[in-house]
N, C-alpha and C. Protein backbone atom coordinates (compact mmCIF):
# COMPACT_ATOMS: atom_id res chain seq x y z
N MET A 1 -1.18 17.30 19.66
CA MET A 1 -1.07 16.71 20.73
C MET A 1 0.40 15.65 20.62
N ALA A 2 0.23 15.72 21.72
CA ALA A 2 2.22 14.85 22.33
C ALA A 2 1.67 13.47 21.67
N GLU A 3 3.19 12.72 21.27
CA GLU A 3 3.09 11.49 20.84
C GLU A 3 2.89 10.35 22.01
N PRO A 4 2.74 9.30 21.55
CA PRO A 4 2.37 8.52 22.82
C PRO A 4 3.83 7.81 23.42
N ASP A 5 3.72 7.81 24.92
CA ASP A 5 5.03 6.50 25.00
C ASP A 5 5.72 5.61 24.37
N PHE A 6 4.77 4.91 23.86
CA PHE A 6 5.26 3.70 23.44
C PHE A 6 5.28 3.65 21.86
N THR A 7 5.98 2.73 21.54
CA THR A 7 6.41 3.24 19.77
C THR A 7 5.15 2.20 19.35
N PRO A 8 4.53 2.45 18.46
CA PRO A 8 3.79 1.38 17.81
C PRO A 8 4.36 0.40 16.86
N LYS A 9 4.09 -0.88 16.81
CA LYS A 9 4.43 -1.72 15.53
C LYS A 9 3.78 -1.59 14.46
N ILE A 10 4.33 -1.02 13.53
CA ILE A 10 3.61 -1.06 12.61
C ILE A 10 4.16 -1.66 11.20
N ALA A 11 2.88 -2.25 10.47
CA ALA A 11 3.44 -3.51 9.20
C ALA A 11 2.83 -2.82 8.25
N ILE A 12 3.91 -2.82 6.77
CA ILE A 12 3.23 -2.46 5.62
C ILE A 12 2.68 -3.22 5.11
N LEU A 13 1.51 -3.63 4.19
CA LEU A 13 1.06 -4.27 2.98
C LEU A 13 1.04 -3.72 1.55
N ILE A 14 1.81 -4.04 1.04
CA ILE A 14 2.01 -3.92 -0.56
C ILE A 14 1.36 -4.69 -1.26
N LEU A 15 0.19 -4.50 -1.92
CA LEU A 15 -0.73 -5.18 -2.86
C LEU A 15 0.15 -5.13 -4.19
N ALA A 16 0.36 -6.13 -5.10
CA ALA A 16 1.17 -6.56 -5.92
C ALA A 16 0.23 -7.85 -6.32
N ALA A 17 -0.86 -7.99 -6.53
CA ALA A 17 -1.28 -9.24 -6.92
C ALA A 17 -2.26 -9.40 -8.10
N GLY A 18 -2.41 -8.29 -8.97
CA GLY A 18 -3.09 -7.84 -10.02
C GLY A 18 -2.60 -8.44 -11.16
N ALA A 19 -3.62 -8.95 -12.17
CA ALA A 19 -2.95 -9.03 -13.53
C ALA A 19 -2.22 -8.06 -14.15
N SER A 20 -2.93 -6.85 -14.21
CA SER A 20 -2.48 -5.61 -14.83
C SER A 20 -2.83 -5.87 -16.40
N SER A 21 -4.27 -6.44 -16.58
CA SER A 21 -4.86 -6.25 -17.50
C SER A 21 -4.99 -5.19 -18.76
N ARG A 22 -5.33 -3.98 -17.94
CA ARG A 22 -4.97 -2.94 -18.62
C ARG A 22 -3.94 -2.18 -19.46
N MET A 23 -3.08 -2.96 -18.84
CA MET A 23 -1.71 -1.78 -18.55
C MET A 23 -0.79 -3.15 -19.84
N GLY A 24 -1.45 -4.44 -20.25
CA GLY A 24 -0.91 -5.41 -21.04
C GLY A 24 -0.04 -5.95 -21.08
N SER A 25 0.92 -5.73 -19.61
CA SER A 25 2.19 -6.31 -19.33
C SER A 25 2.17 -6.24 -17.82
N PRO A 26 2.98 -7.05 -16.86
CA PRO A 26 3.11 -7.53 -15.62
C PRO A 26 3.82 -5.75 -14.97
N LYS A 27 2.59 -4.85 -14.07
CA LYS A 27 2.88 -3.66 -14.15
C LYS A 27 3.71 -3.51 -12.85
N GLN A 28 4.22 -4.79 -12.27
CA GLN A 28 5.29 -5.11 -11.03
C GLN A 28 6.17 -5.05 -12.27
N LEU A 29 6.52 -5.59 -12.91
CA LEU A 29 7.63 -5.44 -13.47
C LEU A 29 8.56 -4.34 -14.30
N LEU A 30 7.78 -3.39 -14.89
CA LEU A 30 7.75 -2.23 -15.29
C LEU A 30 9.19 -1.25 -14.96
N LYS A 31 9.44 -0.90 -15.82
CA LYS A 31 10.69 0.07 -15.23
C LYS A 31 10.57 1.12 -14.90
N TRP A 32 11.36 0.94 -13.60
CA TRP A 32 11.22 2.73 -12.85
C TRP A 32 12.82 3.30 -12.25
N GLY A 33 13.04 3.81 -12.95
CA GLY A 33 14.52 4.38 -12.48
C GLY A 33 15.76 3.05 -13.07
N ASN A 34 16.27 2.37 -12.41
CA ASN A 34 17.39 1.64 -12.24
C ASN A 34 16.65 0.17 -12.03
N SER A 35 15.39 0.16 -11.76
CA SER A 35 14.64 -0.77 -10.87
C SER A 35 13.56 -0.89 -11.15
N THR A 36 12.56 -1.46 -10.79
CA THR A 36 11.24 -2.07 -11.28
C THR A 36 10.23 -1.50 -10.35
N LEU A 37 8.72 -1.30 -10.53
CA LEU A 37 7.66 -0.57 -9.92
C LEU A 37 7.97 -1.25 -8.53
N LEU A 38 7.93 -2.91 -8.33
CA LEU A 38 7.67 -3.51 -7.95
C LEU A 38 8.92 -3.53 -6.38
N ASN A 39 10.20 -3.40 -7.08
CA ASN A 39 11.08 -3.34 -6.04
C ASN A 39 11.35 -1.97 -5.60
N HIS A 40 11.48 -0.90 -6.26
CA HIS A 40 11.43 0.22 -6.05
C HIS A 40 9.92 0.84 -4.82
N SER A 41 8.73 -0.05 -5.14
CA SER A 41 8.18 0.00 -3.47
C SER A 41 8.19 -0.85 -2.51
N ILE A 42 9.10 -1.83 -3.01
CA ILE A 42 9.55 -2.68 -1.50
C ILE A 42 10.50 -1.69 -1.28
N LYS A 43 11.31 -0.97 -1.78
CA LYS A 43 12.65 0.07 -1.14
C LYS A 43 12.07 0.82 -0.53
N GLN A 44 11.05 1.48 -0.77
CA GLN A 44 10.38 2.54 -0.45
C GLN A 44 10.10 2.12 1.24
N ALA A 45 9.08 1.06 1.11
CA ALA A 45 8.75 0.73 2.60
C ALA A 45 9.64 0.35 3.41
N VAL A 46 10.63 -0.75 3.10
CA VAL A 46 11.44 -1.46 3.80
C VAL A 46 12.60 0.14 4.15
N ASN A 47 12.81 0.98 3.67
CA ASN A 47 13.14 1.97 3.91
C ASN A 47 12.50 3.53 5.26
N SER A 48 11.70 2.80 5.49
CA SER A 48 10.81 3.58 6.05
C SER A 48 10.73 3.38 7.68
N LYS A 49 9.91 4.09 8.44
CA LYS A 49 9.85 3.50 9.66
C LYS A 49 8.86 2.53 10.49
N ALA A 50 8.36 1.76 9.46
CA ALA A 50 7.55 0.52 9.58
C ALA A 50 8.41 -0.60 10.24
N ASN A 51 8.10 -1.57 10.64
CA ASN A 51 8.55 -2.44 11.09
C ASN A 51 8.73 -3.81 10.61
N HIS A 52 7.91 -3.90 9.57
CA HIS A 52 8.21 -4.91 8.59
C HIS A 52 7.21 -4.86 7.29
N VAL A 53 8.05 -5.34 6.32
CA VAL A 53 6.84 -5.23 5.24
C VAL A 53 6.27 -6.41 4.55
N PHE A 54 5.13 -6.72 4.29
CA PHE A 54 4.69 -7.77 3.57
C PHE A 54 3.80 -7.67 2.05
N VAL A 55 4.12 -8.69 0.97
CA VAL A 55 3.70 -7.82 -0.17
C VAL A 55 2.93 -9.58 -0.95
N VAL A 56 1.73 -9.09 -1.07
CA VAL A 56 0.93 -9.80 -1.36
C VAL A 56 0.82 -9.82 -3.30
N LEU A 57 1.44 -11.31 -3.51
CA LEU A 57 1.85 -11.64 -4.69
C LEU A 57 0.82 -12.68 -5.48
N GLY A 58 0.42 -12.40 -6.62
CA GLY A 58 -0.46 -13.14 -7.36
C GLY A 58 -0.57 -13.60 -9.15
N ALA A 59 -1.05 -12.96 -9.62
CA ALA A 59 -0.84 -13.27 -11.21
C ALA A 59 0.78 -12.85 -11.35
N HIS A 60 0.92 -14.12 -12.22
CA HIS A 60 2.72 -14.16 -12.83
C HIS A 60 3.57 -14.10 -11.73
N TYR A 61 3.24 -15.06 -10.92
CA TYR A 61 4.00 -14.98 -9.13
C TYR A 61 5.64 -15.76 -9.87
N ASN A 62 5.26 -16.60 -10.36
CA ASN A 62 7.01 -17.00 -10.71
C ASN A 62 7.65 -15.78 -11.53
N ALA A 63 7.02 -15.69 -12.14
CA ALA A 63 8.55 -14.37 -12.91
C ALA A 63 8.82 -13.27 -12.12
N ILE A 64 7.52 -12.66 -11.63
CA ILE A 64 7.76 -11.37 -10.19
C ILE A 64 8.60 -11.91 -9.04
N ASN A 65 8.51 -13.18 -8.85
CA ASN A 65 9.04 -13.54 -7.39
C ASN A 65 10.74 -13.79 -7.55
N LYS A 66 11.10 -14.11 -9.10
CA LYS A 66 12.39 -14.24 -9.17
C LYS A 66 12.92 -12.65 -9.21
N THR A 67 12.34 -11.49 -9.61
CA THR A 67 12.81 -9.99 -9.86
C THR A 67 13.17 -9.66 -8.29
N ILE A 68 12.24 -9.95 -7.22
CA ILE A 68 12.50 -9.05 -5.95
C ILE A 68 14.43 -9.47 -5.61
N HIS A 69 14.47 -8.56 -5.32
CA HIS A 69 16.19 -8.35 -4.74
C HIS A 69 16.15 -8.09 -3.58
N ASN A 70 15.07 -7.45 -2.72
CA ASN A 70 15.21 -7.04 -1.06
C ASN A 70 14.80 -8.46 -0.33
N GLN A 71 15.51 -8.90 0.31
CA GLN A 71 14.99 -10.06 0.88
C GLN A 71 14.04 -9.98 3.06
N ASN A 72 14.63 -8.84 3.29
CA ASN A 72 14.04 -8.43 4.37
C ASN A 72 12.52 -7.73 4.48
N ILE A 73 11.58 -8.98 3.55
CA ILE A 73 10.13 -8.86 3.19
C ILE A 73 9.64 -10.13 3.57
N THR A 74 8.40 -10.25 3.49
CA THR A 74 7.62 -11.29 4.04
C THR A 74 6.85 -11.36 2.81
N LEU A 75 6.78 -12.48 1.45
CA LEU A 75 6.13 -12.53 0.40
C LEU A 75 4.85 -13.44 0.57
N LEU A 76 3.80 -13.34 0.19
CA LEU A 76 2.46 -13.57 0.68
C LEU A 76 1.49 -14.20 -0.80
N PRO A 77 1.90 -15.53 -1.19
CA PRO A 77 1.30 -15.82 -2.11
C PRO A 77 0.23 -15.96 -2.43
N TYR A 78 -0.93 -15.66 -3.29
CA TYR A 78 -2.25 -15.39 -3.50
C TYR A 78 -2.75 -16.09 -4.34
N ASN A 79 -3.23 -17.20 -4.37
CA ASN A 79 -3.87 -18.12 -5.54
C ASN A 79 -5.30 -17.39 -5.67
N ASP A 80 -6.05 -16.96 -5.51
CA ASP A 80 -7.50 -16.38 -5.86
C ASP A 80 -7.20 -14.28 -5.80
N TRP A 81 -6.39 -14.53 -6.30
CA TRP A 81 -6.26 -12.79 -6.74
C TRP A 81 -7.30 -12.32 -7.92
N LYS A 82 -7.70 -13.38 -8.45
CA LYS A 82 -8.98 -12.87 -9.72
C LYS A 82 -9.79 -12.60 -8.80
N LEU A 83 -9.91 -12.66 -7.30
CA LEU A 83 -11.23 -12.26 -6.68
C LEU A 83 -11.64 -10.58 -6.56
N GLY A 84 -10.11 -10.04 -7.04
CA GLY A 84 -10.12 -8.50 -6.55
C GLY A 84 -9.36 -7.84 -5.30
N MET A 85 -8.82 -7.01 -5.62
CA MET A 85 -8.25 -6.17 -4.76
C MET A 85 -8.61 -5.82 -2.97
N GLY A 86 -9.95 -5.95 -3.06
CA GLY A 86 -10.55 -6.09 -1.57
C GLY A 86 -9.91 -7.42 -1.34
N ASN A 87 -10.01 -8.80 -1.92
CA ASN A 87 -9.97 -9.72 -1.04
C ASN A 87 -8.51 -10.35 -0.81
N SER A 88 -7.25 -9.60 -1.57
CA SER A 88 -6.11 -9.63 -1.84
C SER A 88 -5.78 -8.38 -0.07
N ILE A 89 -6.63 -7.69 -0.15
CA ILE A 89 -6.59 -6.93 1.43
C ILE A 89 -6.38 -7.78 2.56
N ALA A 90 -7.91 -8.34 2.52
CA ALA A 90 -8.37 -9.69 3.50
C ALA A 90 -7.64 -10.66 3.67
N PHE A 91 -6.95 -11.07 2.41
CA PHE A 91 -5.72 -12.11 2.35
C PHE A 91 -4.74 -11.60 3.20
N GLY A 92 -4.01 -10.87 2.71
CA GLY A 92 -3.12 -9.77 3.61
C GLY A 92 -2.71 -9.75 5.14
N ILE A 93 -4.30 -9.44 5.39
CA ILE A 93 -4.55 -8.85 6.60
C ILE A 93 -4.54 -10.14 7.57
N LYS A 94 -5.22 -11.22 7.01
CA LYS A 94 -5.39 -12.33 7.79
C LYS A 94 -4.01 -13.17 8.11
N ASN A 95 -3.08 -13.12 7.02
CA ASN A 95 -1.64 -13.20 7.76
C ASN A 95 -0.60 -12.75 8.58
N ILE A 96 -1.26 -11.41 8.90
CA ILE A 96 -0.84 -10.41 9.89
C ILE A 96 -1.28 -10.12 11.14
N ILE A 97 -2.67 -10.64 11.36
CA ILE A 97 -3.34 -10.40 12.14
C ILE A 97 -3.00 -10.65 13.77
N SER A 98 -2.50 -11.71 13.56
CA SER A 98 -2.03 -12.64 14.52
C SER A 98 -0.57 -12.28 15.38
N LEU A 99 -0.07 -11.63 14.60
CA LEU A 99 1.73 -11.13 14.62
C LEU A 99 1.70 -9.77 15.75
N ASN A 100 0.61 -9.72 16.28
CA ASN A 100 0.74 -8.31 17.36
C ASN A 100 1.23 -7.06 16.78
N PHE A 101 0.88 -6.64 15.40
CA PHE A 101 1.13 -5.49 15.10
C PHE A 101 0.03 -4.87 15.68
N ASP A 102 0.48 -2.98 15.83
CA ASP A 102 -0.76 -1.97 16.54
C ASP A 102 -1.83 -1.32 15.19
N SER A 103 -0.91 -1.60 13.73
CA SER A 103 -1.41 -0.98 12.43
C SER A 103 -0.85 -1.45 11.24
N VAL A 104 -1.88 -1.39 10.57
CA VAL A 104 -1.04 -1.46 8.97
C VAL A 104 -0.95 -0.37 7.86
N LEU A 105 0.16 -0.44 7.46
CA LEU A 105 -0.23 0.69 6.42
C LEU A 105 -0.44 0.23 4.97
N ILE A 106 -1.40 0.47 4.23
CA ILE A 106 -1.56 -0.21 2.93
C ILE A 106 -1.70 0.17 1.37
N MET A 107 -0.38 -0.22 0.74
CA MET A 107 -0.30 0.83 -0.69
C MET A 107 -0.31 -0.42 -1.82
N LEU A 108 -0.14 0.43 -2.69
CA LEU A 108 -0.34 -0.31 -3.89
C LEU A 108 0.90 -0.28 -4.74
N VAL A 109 1.08 -1.15 -5.43
CA VAL A 109 2.66 -1.31 -6.26
C VAL A 109 2.63 -0.22 -6.94
N ASP A 110 1.50 -0.09 -7.78
CA ASP A 110 1.69 0.93 -9.23
C ASP A 110 1.32 2.66 -8.57
N GLN A 111 1.77 2.97 -7.35
CA GLN A 111 1.96 3.85 -7.17
C GLN A 111 3.09 4.32 -6.94
N PRO A 112 4.20 4.39 -8.03
CA PRO A 112 5.61 5.03 -7.57
C PRO A 112 5.79 6.09 -6.84
N LEU A 113 5.02 7.14 -7.24
CA LEU A 113 5.50 8.60 -6.27
C LEU A 113 5.16 8.62 -4.90
N VAL A 114 4.81 7.18 -4.39
CA VAL A 114 4.97 6.95 -3.06
C VAL A 114 6.49 6.62 -2.53
N ASN A 115 6.82 7.88 -1.80
CA ASN A 115 8.10 7.45 -1.65
C ASN A 115 8.79 7.43 0.19
N THR A 116 9.75 7.07 1.27
CA THR A 116 10.12 6.77 1.88
C THR A 116 9.53 7.83 2.55
N GLU A 117 9.66 9.37 1.98
CA GLU A 117 9.61 10.24 2.79
C GLU A 117 8.05 10.62 3.43
N TYR A 118 7.43 10.06 2.13
CA TYR A 118 5.70 10.28 2.56
C TYR A 118 4.72 8.96 3.13
N VAL A 119 5.71 8.05 2.79
CA VAL A 119 5.34 6.91 3.95
C VAL A 119 5.42 7.15 5.35
N ASN A 120 6.45 7.80 5.71
CA ASN A 120 6.97 7.89 7.18
C ASN A 120 6.20 9.33 7.78
N LYS A 121 6.10 9.96 6.19
CA LYS A 121 4.72 11.53 6.73
C LYS A 121 3.62 10.77 7.39
N LEU A 122 2.93 9.62 6.83
CA LEU A 122 1.84 9.00 7.30
C LEU A 122 2.27 8.30 8.72
N ILE A 123 3.03 7.95 8.54
CA ILE A 123 3.30 6.85 10.19
C ILE A 123 3.68 8.08 11.41
N LYS A 124 4.12 9.10 10.79
CA LYS A 124 3.85 9.85 11.99
C LYS A 124 2.84 10.54 12.58
N ALA A 125 2.09 11.14 11.24
CA ALA A 125 0.54 11.40 11.38
C ALA A 125 -0.13 10.35 11.94
N SER A 126 -0.08 9.32 12.01
CA SER A 126 -0.61 8.40 12.54
C SER A 126 -0.32 8.32 14.30
N ILE A 127 0.75 8.27 14.21
CA ILE A 127 1.33 8.19 15.58
C ILE A 127 0.42 9.36 16.56
N SER A 128 0.73 10.59 15.84
CA SER A 128 0.57 11.95 16.66
C SER A 128 -0.85 12.41 16.93
N THR A 129 -1.84 11.26 16.01
CA THR A 129 -3.49 11.75 15.98
C THR A 129 -4.27 11.05 16.88
N ASN A 130 -5.58 11.36 17.42
CA ASN A 130 -6.00 10.12 18.32
C ASN A 130 -7.52 9.67 17.26
N LYS A 131 -7.07 9.99 15.88
CA LYS A 131 -7.97 9.14 15.13
C LYS A 131 -7.20 7.76 14.57
N PRO A 132 -8.15 6.91 14.59
CA PRO A 132 -7.79 5.46 14.21
C PRO A 132 -7.06 4.96 12.68
N ILE A 133 -7.38 5.88 12.20
CA ILE A 133 -7.34 5.81 10.23
C ILE A 133 -6.32 7.29 9.81
N THR A 134 -5.70 6.99 9.56
CA THR A 134 -4.75 7.84 8.65
C THR A 134 -4.97 7.56 6.87
N ALA A 135 -5.38 8.53 6.34
CA ALA A 135 -5.65 8.37 4.76
C ALA A 135 -5.10 9.31 3.69
N THR A 136 -4.76 9.28 2.77
CA THR A 136 -4.66 9.93 1.41
C THR A 136 -5.58 10.75 1.11
N SER A 137 -5.39 11.91 1.01
CA SER A 137 -6.32 12.84 0.40
C SER A 137 -6.41 12.59 -1.40
N TYR A 138 -7.23 12.88 -2.05
CA TYR A 138 -7.19 13.20 -3.16
C TYR A 138 -7.49 14.07 -3.64
N PRO A 139 -7.92 14.61 -4.70
CA PRO A 139 -8.96 16.00 -5.60
C PRO A 139 -10.07 15.00 -5.83
N THR A 140 -10.08 14.07 -6.00
CA THR A 140 -11.37 12.65 -6.19
C THR A 140 -11.92 11.88 -5.09
N GLY A 141 -11.40 12.45 -4.11
CA GLY A 141 -12.15 11.63 -2.51
C GLY A 141 -10.84 11.13 -1.74
N VAL A 142 -10.80 10.46 -1.22
CA VAL A 142 -10.04 9.80 -0.03
C VAL A 142 -9.04 7.98 -0.69
N GLY A 143 -7.99 7.77 0.15
CA GLY A 143 -7.51 6.48 -0.45
C GLY A 143 -6.41 6.23 0.38
N VAL A 144 -5.94 5.43 -0.03
CA VAL A 144 -4.65 4.59 0.25
C VAL A 144 -3.26 5.38 -0.72
N PRO A 145 -2.51 5.29 -0.19
CA PRO A 145 -1.70 4.56 1.04
C PRO A 145 -2.44 5.22 2.08
N ALA A 146 -2.65 4.35 3.18
CA ALA A 146 -3.68 4.75 4.26
C ALA A 146 -3.01 3.68 5.53
N ILE A 147 -3.52 4.23 6.86
CA ILE A 147 -2.78 3.83 7.93
C ILE A 147 -3.99 3.29 8.84
N PHE A 148 -4.16 2.12 8.94
CA PHE A 148 -5.18 1.77 10.04
C PHE A 148 -4.67 0.98 11.21
N ASN A 149 -5.56 1.24 12.40
CA ASN A 149 -5.05 0.91 13.61
C ASN A 149 -5.63 -0.46 13.83
N LYS A 150 -5.29 -1.44 14.89
CA LYS A 150 -5.81 -2.54 14.74
C LYS A 150 -7.28 -2.71 15.07
N GLN A 151 -7.93 -1.76 15.30
CA GLN A 151 -9.65 -1.88 15.54
C GLN A 151 -10.19 -1.95 14.69
N TYR A 152 -9.34 -2.13 13.22
CA TYR A 152 -10.06 -2.26 11.81
C TYR A 152 -9.36 -3.61 11.14
N PHE A 153 -8.83 -4.00 11.89
CA PHE A 153 -8.17 -5.31 11.36
C PHE A 153 -9.06 -6.06 11.16
N ASN A 154 -10.32 -6.62 11.41
CA ASN A 154 -11.52 -7.42 11.59
C ASN A 154 -12.00 -7.08 10.19
N LYS A 155 -12.32 -6.10 10.13
CA LYS A 155 -12.91 -5.21 8.80
C LYS A 155 -12.10 -5.06 7.53
N LEU A 156 -10.88 -5.02 7.69
CA LEU A 156 -10.40 -5.36 6.44
C LEU A 156 -10.05 -6.54 6.15
N ALA A 157 -9.69 -7.69 7.17
CA ALA A 157 -9.86 -8.97 7.05
C ALA A 157 -11.57 -9.34 6.09
N ASP A 158 -12.70 -8.54 6.04
CA ASP A 158 -13.93 -8.68 5.73
C ASP A 158 -13.96 -8.47 4.08
N ILE A 159 -13.26 -7.87 3.59
CA ILE A 159 -13.44 -6.84 2.25
C ILE A 159 -13.31 -7.65 1.40
N THR A 160 -14.02 -7.79 0.46
CA THR A 160 -14.25 -8.40 -0.67
C THR A 160 -14.15 -7.19 -2.02
N GLY A 161 -13.84 -7.79 -3.33
CA GLY A 161 -14.45 -7.24 -4.32
C GLY A 161 -12.95 -6.27 -4.93
N GLU A 162 -13.62 -5.39 -5.95
CA GLU A 162 -12.36 -4.67 -6.40
C GLU A 162 -12.09 -3.23 -5.94
N LYS A 163 -13.36 -2.70 -5.14
CA LYS A 163 -12.71 -1.14 -4.24
C LYS A 163 -11.80 -1.14 -3.47
N GLY A 164 -11.35 -2.53 -3.05
CA GLY A 164 -10.24 -2.05 -1.93
C GLY A 164 -10.54 -1.59 -0.42
N ALA A 165 -9.45 -0.90 0.16
CA ALA A 165 -9.87 0.08 1.17
C ALA A 165 -10.71 0.81 1.31
N LYS A 166 -11.42 1.75 -0.01
CA LYS A 166 -11.50 3.11 0.25
C LYS A 166 -13.16 3.28 0.60
N ASN A 167 -13.88 1.96 0.26
CA ASN A 167 -15.33 1.82 0.86
C ASN A 167 -15.03 2.14 2.60
N LEU A 168 -14.12 1.63 3.17
CA LEU A 168 -13.85 1.73 4.58
C LEU A 168 -13.54 2.80 5.20
N ILE A 169 -12.37 3.18 4.48
CA ILE A 169 -12.30 4.70 4.66
C ILE A 169 -13.38 5.84 4.62
N GLU A 170 -14.19 5.50 3.69
CA GLU A 170 -15.28 6.44 3.55
C GLU A 170 -16.28 6.42 4.76
N GLN A 171 -16.91 4.95 4.65
CA GLN A 171 -17.89 4.87 6.13
C GLN A 171 -17.42 5.74 7.22
N GLU A 172 -15.92 5.72 7.49
CA GLU A 172 -15.27 5.71 8.75
C GLU A 172 -14.98 7.60 8.76
N LEU A 173 -15.13 8.42 7.79
CA LEU A 173 -14.58 9.34 7.33
C LEU A 173 -14.62 10.42 8.79
N GLU A 174 -15.55 10.12 9.53
CA GLU A 174 -15.25 11.01 10.66
C GLU A 174 -13.80 10.80 11.47
N LYS A 175 -13.56 9.62 11.59
CA LYS A 175 -12.70 9.06 12.35
C LYS A 175 -11.29 8.96 11.92
N VAL A 176 -11.16 9.32 10.39
CA VAL A 176 -10.07 9.68 9.20
C VAL A 176 -9.12 10.65 9.51
N ASN A 177 -8.03 10.83 9.97
CA ASN A 177 -6.78 11.64 9.73
C ASN A 177 -6.26 11.73 8.05
N LEU A 178 -6.49 13.10 7.19
CA LEU A 178 -6.41 12.80 6.21
C LEU A 178 -4.82 13.64 5.69
N ILE A 179 -4.31 12.99 4.76
CA ILE A 179 -2.69 13.56 4.56
C ILE A 179 -2.76 14.23 3.39
N THR A 180 -2.39 15.78 2.63
CA THR A 180 -2.28 15.62 1.05
C THR A 180 -1.18 15.69 1.11
N PRO A 181 -0.64 14.85 0.25
CA PRO A 181 0.70 14.72 -0.99
C PRO A 181 0.83 16.05 -1.82
N LYS A 182 2.20 16.03 -1.76
CA LYS A 182 2.74 17.59 -2.43
C LYS A 182 2.46 17.11 -4.18
N THR A 183 2.65 15.67 -4.01
CA THR A 183 2.55 15.79 -5.70
C THR A 183 1.05 14.69 -5.86
N PRO A 184 0.05 14.80 -6.82
CA PRO A 184 -0.95 13.79 -6.74
C PRO A 184 -0.17 12.17 -7.23
N LEU A 185 -1.17 11.27 -6.47
CA LEU A 185 -0.22 10.11 -6.30
C LEU A 185 -0.94 8.99 -7.07
N GLU A 186 -1.48 9.48 -9.02
CA GLU A 186 -2.17 8.32 -9.47
C GLU A 186 -1.86 7.07 -9.62
N ASP A 187 -2.81 6.25 -9.92
CA ASP A 187 -2.49 5.18 -10.01
C ASP A 187 -1.75 4.96 -11.18
N ILE A 188 -0.71 4.15 -11.74
CA ILE A 188 -0.27 3.62 -13.20
C ILE A 188 -1.10 2.19 -13.61
N ASP A 189 -2.40 2.57 -14.46
CA ASP A 189 -3.30 1.51 -15.12
C ASP A 189 -2.86 1.10 -16.40
N THR A 190 -2.32 2.22 -17.07
CA THR A 190 -2.43 2.25 -18.64
C THR A 190 -1.24 2.68 -18.86
N PRO A 191 -0.61 2.52 -20.36
CA PRO A 191 0.58 2.89 -20.29
C PRO A 191 0.92 4.59 -20.79
N GLU A 192 -0.31 5.02 -20.57
CA GLU A 192 -0.42 6.42 -20.83
C GLU A 192 0.17 6.94 -19.28
N ALA A 193 -0.51 6.37 -18.41
CA ALA A 193 -0.61 6.86 -17.09
C ALA A 193 0.94 6.04 -16.93
N TYR A 194 1.56 5.75 -16.83
CA TYR A 194 3.21 5.41 -17.19
C TYR A 194 3.85 6.36 -17.35
N LYS A 195 3.69 6.72 -18.87
CA LYS A 195 4.76 7.16 -19.18
C LYS A 195 4.11 8.72 -18.48
N LEU A 196 3.22 9.02 -17.84
CA LEU A 196 2.66 10.78 -17.42
C LEU A 196 3.45 10.35 -15.95
N ALA A 197 3.61 9.43 -15.09
CA ALA A 197 4.07 9.25 -13.84
C ALA A 197 5.78 9.26 -14.44
N ILE A 198 6.29 8.64 -15.13
CA ILE A 198 7.66 9.22 -15.10
C ILE A 198 7.71 10.35 -15.59
N SER A 199 7.41 11.41 -16.27
CA SER A 199 7.43 12.53 -16.83
C SER A 199 7.42 13.67 -14.90
N LYS A 200 6.02 13.19 -14.12
CA LYS A 200 6.17 13.74 -13.30
C LYS A 200 7.32 13.74 -12.16
N SER A 201 8.00 12.10 -12.30
CA SER A 201 9.46 12.18 -11.84
C SER A 201 10.77 12.69 -11.27
N HIS A 202 10.44 13.24 -12.96
CA HIS A 202 11.67 14.15 -13.12
C HIS A 202 10.88 15.73 -12.88
N GLN A 203 10.44 15.61 -12.80
CA GLN A 203 10.11 17.50 -12.31
C GLN A 203 10.78 17.69 -11.08
């Protein structure tokens, strides 16, 4: 399918509000190369073809905020982060819904193997398909990083609980363009997962 004549305006929403209870320390501040998980994620997003990057911060806000290097982003402080990832998504969407974006790419702070190349791959796939959702395919199902066209903004703004955007992707599967990453993009929720991700990044 030919790409459309217009260039869509794309926002990236990085979810970084959780308390990292299973990790035992703020995963946003974990070392990744010469950076931190959060700064690494921000860099990948800012360097992509998206138009602007928003970051939802909640737990440990003050400690994390002062470590952020890139100023070309919009921070969204979220006091009710304990309500879960779904609520963090809804909060983020409500902050950008009036800013005339054509789509939003949702990504997680704890998936450091998501790089600029993969973000751009999702963006390109989203532009070239007639399906309104472009999501990541996993061996165990589907999930983020994922791009949602603006027709889904209201549904994203109604998400609650812990499951995030996965339910919406599953409900709309016939309208989803699935992309399979070269390397599985596991979440870093535990010290063991963190060590495994570091080893994969050196492969």
